[in-house]
PDB file of N, CA and C in Angstrom:
ATOM      1  N   MET A   1      -1.427  13.138 -37.407  1.00  0.00           N
ATOM      2  CA  MET A   1      -0.437  12.402 -37.467  1.00  0.00           C
ATOM      3  C   MET A   1      -0.035  11.265 -37.714  1.00  0.00           C
ATOM      4  N   LEU A   2      -0.731  10.335 -37.577  1.00  0.00           N
ATOM      5  CA  LEU A   2      -0.717   9.090 -38.269  1.00  0.00           C
ATOM      6  C   LEU A   2      -1.120   9.660 -40.346  1.00  0.00           C
ATOM      7  N   LYS A   3      -1.315  10.167 -40.536  1.00  0.00           N
ATOM      8  CA  LYS A   3      -2.555  10.499 -41.701  1.00  0.00           C
ATOM      9  C   LYS A   3      -0.675  10.902 -42.564  1.00  0.00           C
ATOM     10  N   ILE A   4       0.129  11.610 -42.072  1.00  0.00           N
ATOM     11  CA  ILE A   4       1.247  12.056 -42.589  1.00  0.00           C
ATOM     12  C   ILE A   4       2.333  11.037 -42.282  1.00  0.00           C
ATOM     13  N   ILE A   5       2.085  10.555 -41.111  1.00  0.00           N
ATOM     14  CA  ILE A   5       3.689   9.538 -40.575  1.00  0.00           C
ATOM     15  C   ILE A   5       3.416   8.052 -41.658  1.00  0.00           C
ATOM     16  N   GLY A   6       2.509   7.590 -41.624  1.00  0.00           N
ATOM     17  CA  GLY A   6       1.615   6.256 -42.373  1.00  0.00           C
ATOM     18  C   GLY A   6       2.158   6.149 -43.178  1.00  0.00           C
ATOM     19  N   PRO A   7       1.658   7.129 -44.652  1.00  0.00           N
ATOM     20  CA  PRO A   7       2.194   6.794 -45.802  1.00  0.00           C
ATOM     21  C   PRO A   7       3.994   7.480 -45.834  1.00  0.00           C
ATOM     22  N   LEU A   8       4.572   8.126 -45.371  1.00  0.00           N
ATOM     23  CA  LEU A   8       5.843   8.413 -45.400  1.00  0.00           C
ATOM     24  C   LEU A   8       6.671   7.228 -45.281  1.00  0.00           C
ATOM     25  N   ALA A   9       5.735   6.438 -43.663  1.00  0.00           N
ATOM     26  CA  ALA A   9       6.538   5.155 -43.649  1.00  0.00           C
ATOM     27  C   ALA A   9       7.141   4.511 -44.735  1.00  0.00           C
ATOM     28  N   TRP A  10       6.090   3.932 -45.438  1.00  0.00           N
ATOM     29  CA  TRP A  10       6.814   2.990 -46.827  1.00  0.00           C
ATOM     30  C   TRP A  10       7.929   3.631 -47.768  1.00  0.00           C
ATOM     31  N   ARG A  11       7.627   4.743 -47.954  1.00  0.00           N
ATOM     32  CA  ARG A  11       8.486   5.741 -48.526  1.00  0.00           C
ATOM     33  C   ARG A  11       9.919   5.448 -48.521  1.00  0.00           C
ATOM     34  N   MET A  12       9.899   5.762 -46.822  1.00  0.00           N
ATOM     35  CA  MET A  12      11.014   5.643 -45.905  1.00  0.00           C
ATOM     36  C   MET A  12      11.984   4.287 -46.503  1.00  0.00           C
ATOM     37  N   ILE A  13      11.052   3.073 -46.488  1.00  0.00           N
ATOM     38  CA  ILE A  13      11.464   1.884 -46.015  1.00  0.00           C
ATOM     39  C   ILE A  13      11.832   1.668 -47.746  1.00  0.00           C
ATOM     40  N   ALA A  14      10.761   1.922 -48.183  1.00  0.00           N
ATOM     41  CA  ALA A  14      11.530   1.182 -49.727  1.00  0.00           C
ATOM     42  C   ALA A  14      12.251   2.440 -50.345  1.00  0.00           C
ATOM     43  N   SER A  15      13.444   3.264 -50.105  1.00  0.00           N
ATOM     44  CA  SER A  15      13.906   3.544 -50.264  1.00  0.00           C
ATOM     45  C   SER A  15      15.032   4.069 -49.861  1.00  0.00           C
ATOM     46  N   SER A  16      14.964   3.157 -49.009  1.00  0.00           N
ATOM     47  CA  SER A  16      16.384   2.702 -47.557  1.00  0.00           C
ATOM     48  C   SER A  16      16.523   1.332 -47.924  1.00  0.00           C
ATOM     49  N   PHE A  17      15.592   0.156 -48.441  1.00  0.00           N
ATOM     50  CA  PHE A  17      16.161  -0.636 -48.876  1.00  0.00           C
ATOM     51  C   PHE A  17      15.696  -1.472 -49.965  1.00  0.00           C
ATOM     52  N   LEU A  18      16.189  -0.871 -50.837  1.00  0.00           N
ATOM     53  CA  LEU A  18      14.912  -1.115 -52.613  1.00  0.00           C
ATOM     54  C   LEU A  18      15.502  -2.665 -52.345  1.00  0.00           C
ATOM     55  N   LEU A  19      16.314  -3.453 -52.790  1.00  0.00           N
ATOM     56  CA  LEU A  19      16.395  -4.442 -52.977  1.00  0.00           C
ATOM     57  C   LEU A  19      15.590  -5.329 -52.067  1.00  0.00           C
ATOM     58  N   ALA A  20      15.547  -4.960 -50.929  1.00  0.00           N
ATOM     59  CA  ALA A  20      14.494  -6.077 -50.151  1.00  0.00           C
ATOM     60  C   ALA A  20      13.058  -6.068 -50.399  1.00  0.00           C
ATOM     61  N   PHE A  21      12.975  -4.530 -50.586  1.00  0.00           N
ATOM     62  CA  PHE A  21      11.711  -4.043 -50.959  1.00  0.00           C
ATOM     63  C   PHE A  21      11.290  -5.197 -52.851  1.00  0.00           C
ATOM     64  N   MET A  22      11.653  -4.294 -53.673  1.00  0.00           N
ATOM     65  CA  MET A  22      11.450  -4.757 -54.488  1.00  0.00           C
ATOM     66  C   MET A  22      11.802  -6.781 -54.964  1.00  0.00           C
ATOM     67  N   SER A  23      12.016  -7.308 -53.740  1.00  0.00           N
ATOM     68  CA  SER A  23      11.888  -8.601 -54.115  1.00  0.00           C
ATOM     69  C   SER A  23      11.066  -9.765 -53.634  1.00  0.00           C
ATOM     70  N   ASN A  24       9.878  -8.763 -52.734  1.00  0.00           N
ATOM     71  CA  ASN A  24       8.498  -9.111 -51.941  1.00  0.00           C
ATOM     72  C   ASN A  24       7.985  -9.178 -53.143  1.00  0.00           C
ATOM     73  N   PRO A  25       7.622 -10.638 -53.009  1.00  0.00           N
ATOM     74  CA  PRO A  25       6.254 -10.979 -54.456  1.00  0.00           C
ATOM     75  C   PRO A  25       5.415 -10.216 -54.044  1.00  0.00           C
ATOM     76  N   LEU A  26       4.726  -9.664 -52.958  1.00  0.00           N
ATOM     77  CA  LEU A  26       3.601  -9.403 -52.747  1.00  0.00           C
ATOM     78  C   LEU A  26       3.408  -8.044 -53.885  1.00  0.00           C
ATOM     79  N   ILE A  27       4.714  -7.305 -52.771  1.00  0.00           N
ATOM     80  CA  ILE A  27       5.635  -5.905 -54.062  1.00  0.00           C
ATOM     81  C   ILE A  27       5.372  -5.765 -55.679  1.00  0.00           C
ATOM     82  N   TYR A  28       6.033  -6.758 -55.521  1.00  0.00           N
ATOM     83  CA  TYR A  28       5.933  -7.105 -57.278  1.00  0.00           C
ATOM     84  C   TYR A  28       4.996  -7.020 -57.814  1.00  0.00           C
ATOM     85  N   ILE A  29       3.861  -8.381 -57.600  1.00  0.00           N
ATOM     86  CA  ILE A  29       2.963  -8.378 -57.687  1.00  0.00           C
ATOM     87  C   ILE A  29       1.868  -7.215 -57.891  1.00  0.00           C
ATOM     88  N   PHE A  30       2.179  -6.464 -57.059  1.00  0.00           N
ATOM     89  CA  PHE A  30       1.582  -5.465 -56.400  1.00  0.00           C
ATOM     90  C   PHE A  30       1.636  -4.334 -58.269  1.00  0.00           C
ATOM     91  N   VAL A  31       3.176  -3.744 -58.487  1.00  0.00           N
ATOM     92  CA  VAL A  31       3.902  -3.096 -59.152  1.00  0.00           C
ATOM     93  C   VAL A  31       3.335  -3.636 -60.841  1.00  0.00           C
ATOM     94  N   ARG A  32       3.183  -5.035 -60.913  1.00  0.00           N
ATOM     95  CA  ARG A  32       2.989  -5.197 -62.131  1.00  0.00           C
ATOM     96  C   ARG A  32       1.736  -4.610 -62.371  1.00  0.00           C
ATOM     97  N   VAL A  33       0.345  -5.068 -61.516  1.00  0.00           N
ATOM     98  CA  VAL A  33      -0.570  -4.864 -61.567  1.00  0.00           C
ATOM     99  C   VAL A  33      -0.625  -3.162 -62.211  1.00  0.00           C
ATOM    100  N   CYS A  34       0.098  -2.331 -61.294  1.00  0.00           N
ATOM    101  CA  CYS A  34      -0.063  -0.624 -61.628  1.00  0.00           C
ATOM    102  C   CYS A  34      -0.032  -0.966 -62.933  1.00  0.00           C
ATOM    103  N   LEU A  35       1.596  -1.405 -63.127  1.00  0.00           N
ATOM    104  CA  LEU A  35       2.093  -0.906 -64.640  1.00  0.00           C
ATOM    105  C   LEU A  35       0.355  -1.899 -65.829  1.00  0.00           C
ATOM    106  N   LEU A  36       0.771  -2.814 -65.430  1.00  0.00           N
ATOM    107  CA  LEU A  36      -0.872  -3.107 -66.462  1.00  0.00           C
ATOM    108  C   LEU A  36      -1.980  -2.026 -66.499  1.00  0.00           C
ATOM    109  N   LEU A  37      -1.860  -1.718 -65.509  1.00  0.00           N
ATOM    110  CA  LEU A  37      -3.350  -0.728 -65.286  1.00  0.00           C
ATOM    111  C   LEU A  37      -3.235   0.753 -66.264  1.00  0.00           C
ATOM    112  N   GLU A  38      -1.865   0.793 -65.555  1.00  0.00           N
ATOM    113  CA  GLU A  38      -1.674   1.900 -66.654  1.00  0.00           C
ATOM    114  C   GLU A  38      -1.784   1.759 -68.056  1.00  0.00           C
ATOM    115  N   ALA A  39      -1.267   0.565 -68.398  1.00  0.00           N
ATOM    116  CA  ALA A  39      -1.244   0.259 -69.987  1.00  0.00           C
ATOM    117  C   ALA A  39      -2.219   0.464 -70.554  1.00  0.00           C
ATOM    118  N   THR A  40      -3.045   0.307 -70.145  1.00  0.00           N
ATOM    119  CA  THR A  40      -4.748  -0.091 -70.329  1.00  0.00           C
ATOM    120  C   THR A  40      -4.876   1.465 -71.100  1.00  0.00           C
ATOM    121  N   GLY A  41      -4.480   2.859 -70.720  1.00  0.00           N
ATOM    122  CA  GLY A  41      -5.093   3.834 -71.216  1.00  0.00           C
ATOM    123  C   GLY A  41      -6.163   4.779 -70.487  1.00  0.00           C
ATOM    124  N   ILE A  42      -6.720   4.087 -69.675  1.00  0.00           N
ATOM    125  CA  ILE A  42      -7.793   4.152 -68.682  1.00  0.00           C
ATOM    126  C   ILE A  42      -7.348   5.291 -67.639  1.00  0.00           C
ATOM    127  N   CYS A  43      -5.742   5.284 -67.225  1.00  0.00           N
ATOM    128  CA  CYS A  43      -5.818   6.669 -66.956  1.00  0.00           C
ATOM    129  C   CYS A  43      -5.664   7.859 -67.152  1.00  0.00           C
ATOM    130  N   TYR A  44      -5.208   7.888 -68.555  1.00  0.00           N
ATOM    131  CA  TYR A  44      -5.104   8.854 -69.618  1.00  0.00           C
ATOM    132  C   TYR A  44      -6.568   9.708 -70.226  1.00  0.00           C
ATOM    133  N   ALA A  45      -7.282   8.609 -69.798  1.00  0.00           N
ATOM    134  CA  ALA A  45      -9.581   8.686 -70.662  1.00  0.00           C
ATOM    135  C   ALA A  45      -9.788   9.250 -68.928  1.00  0.00           C
ATOM    136  N   SER A  46      -9.036   9.163 -68.139  1.00  0.00           N
ATOM    137  CA  SER A  46     -10.241   9.958 -67.153  1.00  0.00           C
ATOM    138  C   SER A  46     -10.419  10.889 -67.383  1.00  0.00           C
ATOM    139  N   TRP A  47      -9.639  11.941 -68.019  1.00  0.00           N
ATOM    140  CA  TRP A  47     -10.270  12.998 -68.026  1.00  0.00           C
ATOM    141  C   TRP A  47     -11.691  13.083 -68.656  1.00  0.00           C
ATOM    142  N   MET A  48     -11.290  12.733 -69.903  1.00  0.00           N
ATOM    143  CA  MET A  48     -12.814  12.617 -70.736  1.00  0.00           C
ATOM    144  C   MET A  48     -13.393  12.056 -70.160  1.00  0.00           C
ATOM    145  N   PHE A  49     -13.639  10.678 -69.313  1.00  0.00           N
ATOM    146  CA  PHE A  49     -15.000  10.548 -68.701  1.00  0.00           C
ATOM    147  C   PHE A  49     -15.669  11.533 -67.551  1.00  0.00           C
ATOM    148  N   ALA A  50     -14.740  12.059 -66.842  1.00  0.00           N
ATOM    149  CA  ALA A  50     -14.802  13.270 -66.306  1.00  0.00           C
ATOM    150  C   ALA A  50     -15.476  14.249 -66.995  1.00  0.00           C
ATOM    151  N   CYS A  51     -15.730  14.677 -67.980  1.00  0.00           N
ATOM    152  CA  CYS A  51     -15.874  15.187 -68.586  1.00  0.00           C
ATOM    153  C   CYS A  51     -17.096  15.392 -69.378  1.00  0.00           C
ATOM    154  N   TYR A  52     -17.392  13.723 -69.498  1.00  0.00           N
ATOM    155  CA  TYR A  52     -18.874  13.449 -69.951  1.00  0.00           C
ATOM    156  C   TYR A  52     -19.914  13.706 -68.603  1.00  0.00           C
ATOM    157  N   HIS A  53     -18.865  12.949 -67.337  1.00  0.00           N
ATOM    158  CA  HIS A  53     -19.829  12.724 -66.354  1.00  0.00           C
ATOM    159  C   HIS A  53     -20.512  14.197 -65.928  1.00  0.00           C
ATOM    160  N   LYS A  54     -19.343  15.470 -65.973  1.00  0.00           N
ATOM    161  CA  LYS A  54     -19.523  16.318 -65.189  1.00  0.00           C
ATOM    162  C   LYS A  54     -21.181  16.723 -66.452  1.00  0.00           C
ATOM    163  N   LEU A  55     -20.759  16.658 -67.677  1.00  0.00           N
ATOM    164  CA  LEU A  55     -22.378  17.003 -67.986  1.00  0.00           C
ATOM    165  C   LEU A  55     -23.704  15.836 -68.743  1.00  0.00           C
ATOM    166  N   ILE A  56     -23.226  15.261 -67.910  1.00  0.00           N
ATOM    167  CA  ILE A  56     -24.798  14.274 -67.505  1.00  0.00           C
ATOM    168  C   ILE A  56     -25.071  15.010 -66.596  1.00  0.00           C
ATOM    169  N   ASP A  57     -24.685  15.068 -65.046  1.00  0.00           N
ATOM    170  CA  ASP A  57     -24.487  15.307 -64.294  1.00  0.00           C
ATOM    171  C   ASP A  57     -25.052  17.161 -63.743  1.00  0.00           C
ATOM    172  N   GLY A  58     -24.176  18.017 -64.673  1.00  0.00           N
ATOM    173  CA  GLY A  58     -24.545  19.047 -64.747  1.00  0.00           C
ATOM    174  C   GLY A  58     -23.636  19.809 -63.408  1.00  0.00           C
ATOM    175  N   TYR A  59     -22.481  19.297 -63.479  1.00  0.00           N
ATOM    176  CA  TYR A  59     -21.617  19.552 -62.563  1.00  0.00           C
ATOM    177  C   TYR A  59     -20.943  21.164 -62.184  1.00  0.00           C
ATOM    178  N   GLU A  60     -21.044  21.839 -61.285  1.00  0.00           N
ATOM    179  CA  GLU A  60     -20.843  23.654 -61.161  1.00  0.00           C
ATOM    180  C   GLU A  60     -19.769  23.077 -60.350  1.00  0.00           C
ATOM    181  N   PRO A  61     -18.615  24.288 -61.041  1.00  0.00           N
ATOM    182  CA  PRO A  61     -17.684  25.150 -60.027  1.00  0.00           C
ATOM    183  C   PRO A  61     -17.869  25.039 -58.235  1.00  0.00           C
ATOM    184  N   ASN A  62     -16.949  25.181 -57.243  1.00  0.00           N
ATOM    185  CA  ASN A  62     -16.885  25.703 -56.318  1.00  0.00           C
ATOM    186  C   ASN A  62     -17.535  26.659 -55.340  1.00  0.00           C
ATOM    187  N   GLU A  63     -17.239  27.860 -56.564  1.00  0.00           N
ATOM    188  CA  GLU A  63     -18.092  28.771 -56.222  1.00  0.00           C
ATOM    189  C   GLU A  63     -19.569  29.108 -56.371  1.00  0.00           C
ATOM    190  N   PHE A  64     -20.172  28.085 -57.408  1.00  0.00           N
ATOM    191  CA  PHE A  64     -21.938  28.044 -57.491  1.00  0.00           C
ATOM    192  C   PHE A  64     -22.145  27.486 -56.036  1.00  0.00           C
ATOM    193  N   TYR A  65     -21.665  26.638 -55.402  1.00  0.00           N
ATOM    194  CA  TYR A  65     -22.446  26.225 -54.561  1.00  0.00           C
ATOM    195  C   TYR A  65     -21.899  26.502 -52.943  1.00  0.00           C
ATOM    196  N   LEU A  66     -20.907  27.370 -53.273  1.00  0.00           N
ATOM    197  CA  LEU A  66     -20.495  27.826 -51.805  1.00  0.00           C
ATOM    198  C   LEU A  66     -21.123  29.734 -51.625  1.00  0.00           C
ATOM    199  N   GLU A  67     -21.137  30.098 -53.206  1.00  0.00           N
ATOM    200  CA  GLU A  67     -21.205  31.687 -52.487  1.00  0.00           C
ATOM    201  C   GLU A  67     -22.919  31.509 -53.813  1.00  0.00           C
ATOM    202  N   GLY A  68     -23.432  30.729 -54.477  1.00  0.00           N
ATOM    203  CA  GLY A  68     -24.862  31.270 -54.645  1.00  0.00           C
ATOM    204  C   GLY A  68     -24.510  32.146 -55.648  1.00  0.00           C
ATOM    205  N   ALA A  69     -23.436  31.849 -57.028  1.00  0.00           N
ATOM    206  CA  ALA A  69     -23.313  32.662 -57.690  1.00  0.00           C
ATOM    207  C   ALA A  69     -24.539  31.874 -58.810  1.00  0.00           C
ATOM    208  N   GLU A  70     -24.363  32.774 -60.253  1.00  0.00           N
ATOM    209  CA  GLU A  70     -25.027  32.403 -60.766  1.00  0.00           C
ATOM    210  C   GLU A  70     -24.389  30.747 -61.911  1.00  0.00           C
ATOM    211  N   LYS A  71     -24.905  30.367 -62.390  1.00  0.00           N
ATOM    212  CA  LYS A  71     -25.293  28.932 -62.651  1.00  0.00           C
ATOM    213  C   LYS A  71     -24.173  29.244 -64.936  1.00  0.00           C
ATOM    214  N   TYR A  72     -23.318  28.952 -65.172  1.00  0.00           N
ATOM    215  CA  TYR A  72     -22.541  28.737 -65.604  1.00  0.00           C
ATOM    216  C   TYR A  72     -23.434  27.887 -66.765  1.00  0.00           C
ATOM    217  N   GLY A  73     -23.256  28.615 -68.244  1.00  0.00           N
ATOM    218  CA  GLY A  73     -23.948  27.644 -69.199  1.00  0.00           C
ATOM    219  C   GLY A  73     -23.404  26.715 -69.664  1.00  0.00           C
ATOM    220  N   ALA A  74     -23.467  26.531 -71.052  1.00  0.00           N
ATOM    221  CA  ALA A  74     -22.554  24.811 -71.471  1.00  0.00           C
ATOM    222  C   ALA A  74     -21.226  25.825 -71.935  1.00  0.00           C
ATOM    223  N   GLU A  75     -20.728  27.205 -72.215  1.00  0.00           N
ATOM    224  CA  GLU A  75     -19.548  27.227 -72.536  1.00  0.00           C
ATOM    225  C   GLU A  75     -18.495  26.743 -71.197  1.00  0.00           C
ATOM    226  N   PRO A  76     -17.597  26.417 -72.248  1.00  0.00           N
ATOM    227  CA  PRO A  76     -16.460  26.090 -70.786  1.00  0.00           C
ATOM    228  C   PRO A  76     -15.978  27.318 -70.332  1.00  0.00           C
ATOM    229  N   VAL A  77     -15.200  27.067 -68.933  1.00  0.00           N
ATOM    230  CA  VAL A  77     -14.839  27.784 -68.176  1.00  0.00           C
ATOM    231  C   VAL A  77     -13.490  28.192 -68.438  1.00  0.00           C
ATOM    232  N   THR A  78     -12.848  27.148 -68.444  1.00  0.00           N
ATOM    233  CA  THR A  78     -11.574  27.054 -68.645  1.00  0.00           C
ATOM    234  C   THR A  78     -11.011  27.173 -69.682  1.00  0.00           C
ATOM    235  N   LYS A  79      -9.549  27.360 -69.530  1.00  0.00           N
ATOM    236  CA  LYS A  79      -9.026  26.813 -70.956  1.00  0.00           C
ATOM    237  C   LYS A  79      -8.950  25.524 -70.637  1.00  0.00           C
ATOM    238  N   ARG A  80      -8.412  24.369 -69.997  1.00  0.00           N
ATOM    239  CA  ARG A  80      -8.860  23.072 -69.701  1.00  0.00           C
ATOM    240  C   ARG A  80      -9.792  22.664 -70.598  1.00  0.00           C
ATOM    241  N   VAL A  81     -10.818  22.713 -70.047  1.00  0.00           N
ATOM    242  CA  VAL A  81     -12.070  22.265 -70.194  1.00  0.00           C
ATOM    243  C   VAL A  81     -12.236  22.794 -71.925  1.00  0.00           C
ATOM    244  N   LYS A  82     -12.011  23.775 -72.067  1.00  0.00           N
ATOM    245  CA  LYS A  82     -12.154  24.382 -73.734  1.00  0.00           C
ATOM    246  C   LYS A  82     -11.054  22.826 -74.726  1.00  0.00           C
ATOM    247  N   HIS A  83     -10.094  22.622 -74.373  1.00  0.00           N
ATOM    248  CA  HIS A  83      -9.405  21.398 -74.868  1.00  0.00           C
ATOM    249  C   HIS A  83      -9.443  20.454 -74.742  1.00  0.00           C
ATOM    250  N   ILE A  84     -10.370  19.762 -73.763  1.00  0.00           N
ATOM    251  CA  ILE A  84     -10.338  18.600 -73.450  1.00  0.00           C
ATOM    252  C   ILE A  84     -11.879  18.336 -74.649  1.00  0.00           C
ATOM    253  N   ASN A  85     -12.746  19.136 -74.522  1.00  0.00           N
ATOM    254  CA  ASN A  85     -14.227  19.445 -74.866  1.00  0.00           C
ATOM    255  C   ASN A  85     -13.785  19.437 -76.516  1.00  0.00           C
ATOM    256  N   LEU A  86     -12.478  20.601 -76.869  1.00  0.00           N
ATOM    257  CA  LEU A  86     -12.158  20.152 -78.373  1.00  0.00           C
ATOM    258  C   LEU A  86     -11.641  18.746 -78.832  1.00  0.00           C
ATOM    259  N   THR A  87     -11.134  18.264 -77.944  1.00  0.00           N
ATOM    260  CA  THR A  87     -10.163  16.213 -78.311  1.00  0.00           C
ATOM    261  C   THR A  87     -11.698  15.290 -78.262  1.00  0.00           C
ATOM    262  N   VAL A  88     -12.742  15.313 -77.642  1.00  0.00           N
ATOM    263  CA  VAL A  88     -13.661  14.870 -77.082  1.00  0.00           C
ATOM    264  C   VAL A  88     -13.991  15.306 -78.969  1.00  0.00           C
ATOM    265  N   THR A  89     -14.597  15.573 -79.534  1.00  0.00           N
ATOM    266  CA  THR A  89     -14.865  16.559 -80.206  1.00  0.00           C
ATOM    267  C   THR A  89     -13.921  15.638 -81.635  1.00  0.00           C
ATOM    268  N   VAL A  90     -12.919  16.242 -82.006  1.00  0.00           N
ATOM    269  CA  VAL A  90     -12.411  15.194 -82.656  1.00  0.00           C
ATOM    270  C   VAL A  90     -12.322  13.332 -82.744  1.00  0.00           C
ATOM    271  N   ILE A  91     -12.285  13.666 -81.449  1.00  0.00           N
ATOM    272  CA  ILE A  91     -12.090  11.957 -81.176  1.00  0.00           C
ATOM    273  C   ILE A  91     -13.577  11.480 -81.776  1.00  0.00           C
ATOM    274  N   LYS A  92     -15.076  11.936 -81.804  1.00  0.00           N
ATOM    275  CA  LYS A  92     -15.752  11.984 -81.864  1.00  0.00           C
ATOM    276  C   LYS A  92     -16.104  12.122 -83.749  1.00  0.00           C
ATOM    277  N   TYR A  93     -15.385  12.840 -83.810  1.00  0.00           N
ATOM    278  CA  TYR A  93     -15.759  12.848 -85.522  1.00  0.00           C
ATOM    279  C   TYR A  93     -14.368  11.661 -85.944  1.00  0.00           C
ATOM    280  N   THR A  94     -13.855  11.710 -85.936  1.00  0.00           N
ATOM    281  CA  THR A  94     -12.566  10.412 -86.488  1.00  0.00           C
ATOM    282  C   THR A  94     -13.544   9.251 -85.700  1.00  0.00           C
ATOM    283  N   PHE A  95     -13.883   8.753 -85.103  1.00  0.00           N
ATOM    284  CA  PHE A  95     -14.549   7.233 -84.858  1.00  0.00           C
ATOM    285  C   PHE A  95     -16.086   7.663 -85.893  1.00  0.00           C
ATOM    286  N   SER A  96     -16.122   8.561 -86.285  1.00  0.00           N
ATOM    287  CA  SER A  96     -17.501   8.338 -86.973  1.00  0.00           C
ATOM    288  C   SER A  96     -16.889   8.128 -88.081  1.00  0.00           C
ATOM    289  N   MET A  97     -16.256   8.885 -88.857  1.00  0.00           N
ATOM    290  CA  MET A  97     -15.901   9.024 -90.320  1.00  0.00           C
ATOM    291  C   MET A  97     -14.822   7.600 -90.436  1.00  0.00           C
ATOM    292  N   ILE A  98     -14.497   7.024 -89.604  1.00  0.00           N
ATOM    293  CA  ILE A  98     -13.881   5.867 -89.643  1.00  0.00           C
ATOM    294  C   ILE A  98     -14.897   5.185 -89.773  1.00  0.00           C
ATOM    295  N   PHE A  99     -16.390   4.744 -89.320  1.00  0.00           N
ATOM    296  CA  PHE A  99     -17.064   3.582 -89.023  1.00  0.00           C
ATOM    297  C   PHE A  99     -17.910   3.496 -90.106  1.00  0.00           C
ATOM    298  N   LEU A 100     -17.741   5.225 -90.939  1.00  0.00           N
ATOM    299  CA  LEU A 100     -18.581   5.617 -91.823  1.00  0.00           C
ATOM    300  C   LEU A 100     -18.055   4.585 -93.296  1.00  0.00           C
ATOM    301  N   VAL A 101     -16.723   5.095 -93.225  1.00  0.00           N
ATOM    302  CA  VAL A 101     -15.768   4.142 -94.179  1.00  0.00           C
ATOM    303  C   VAL A 101     -15.882   2.864 -94.393  1.00  0.00           C
ATOM    304  N   PHE A 102     -16.024   2.389 -93.091  1.00  0.00           N
ATOM    305  CA  PHE A 102     -15.851   1.168 -93.283  1.00  0.00           C
ATOM    306  C   PHE A 102     -17.650   0.222 -93.157  1.00  0.00           C
TER     307      PHE A 102
END
């Protein structure tokens, strides 16, 4: 029950007392740090990091671990993984061409 009430309490306080909540210096600093982290782009790059991590560690879908299904090959399983692999390939070739030119 506390798992449900705990996160909701802060949201209720923030929505009810918005000015008092945002004028708190700690909250202001926390929001600025979150915005700075988002501005770095690491949140957007996490899918590419996950793709490389999946390749390095050999992660499989849940069905493989739970039901003993056959191991998937190197080909992408879902459309999203295909798009991520395509994006990674385009970025790799783009950077390779940039470094080749310079």
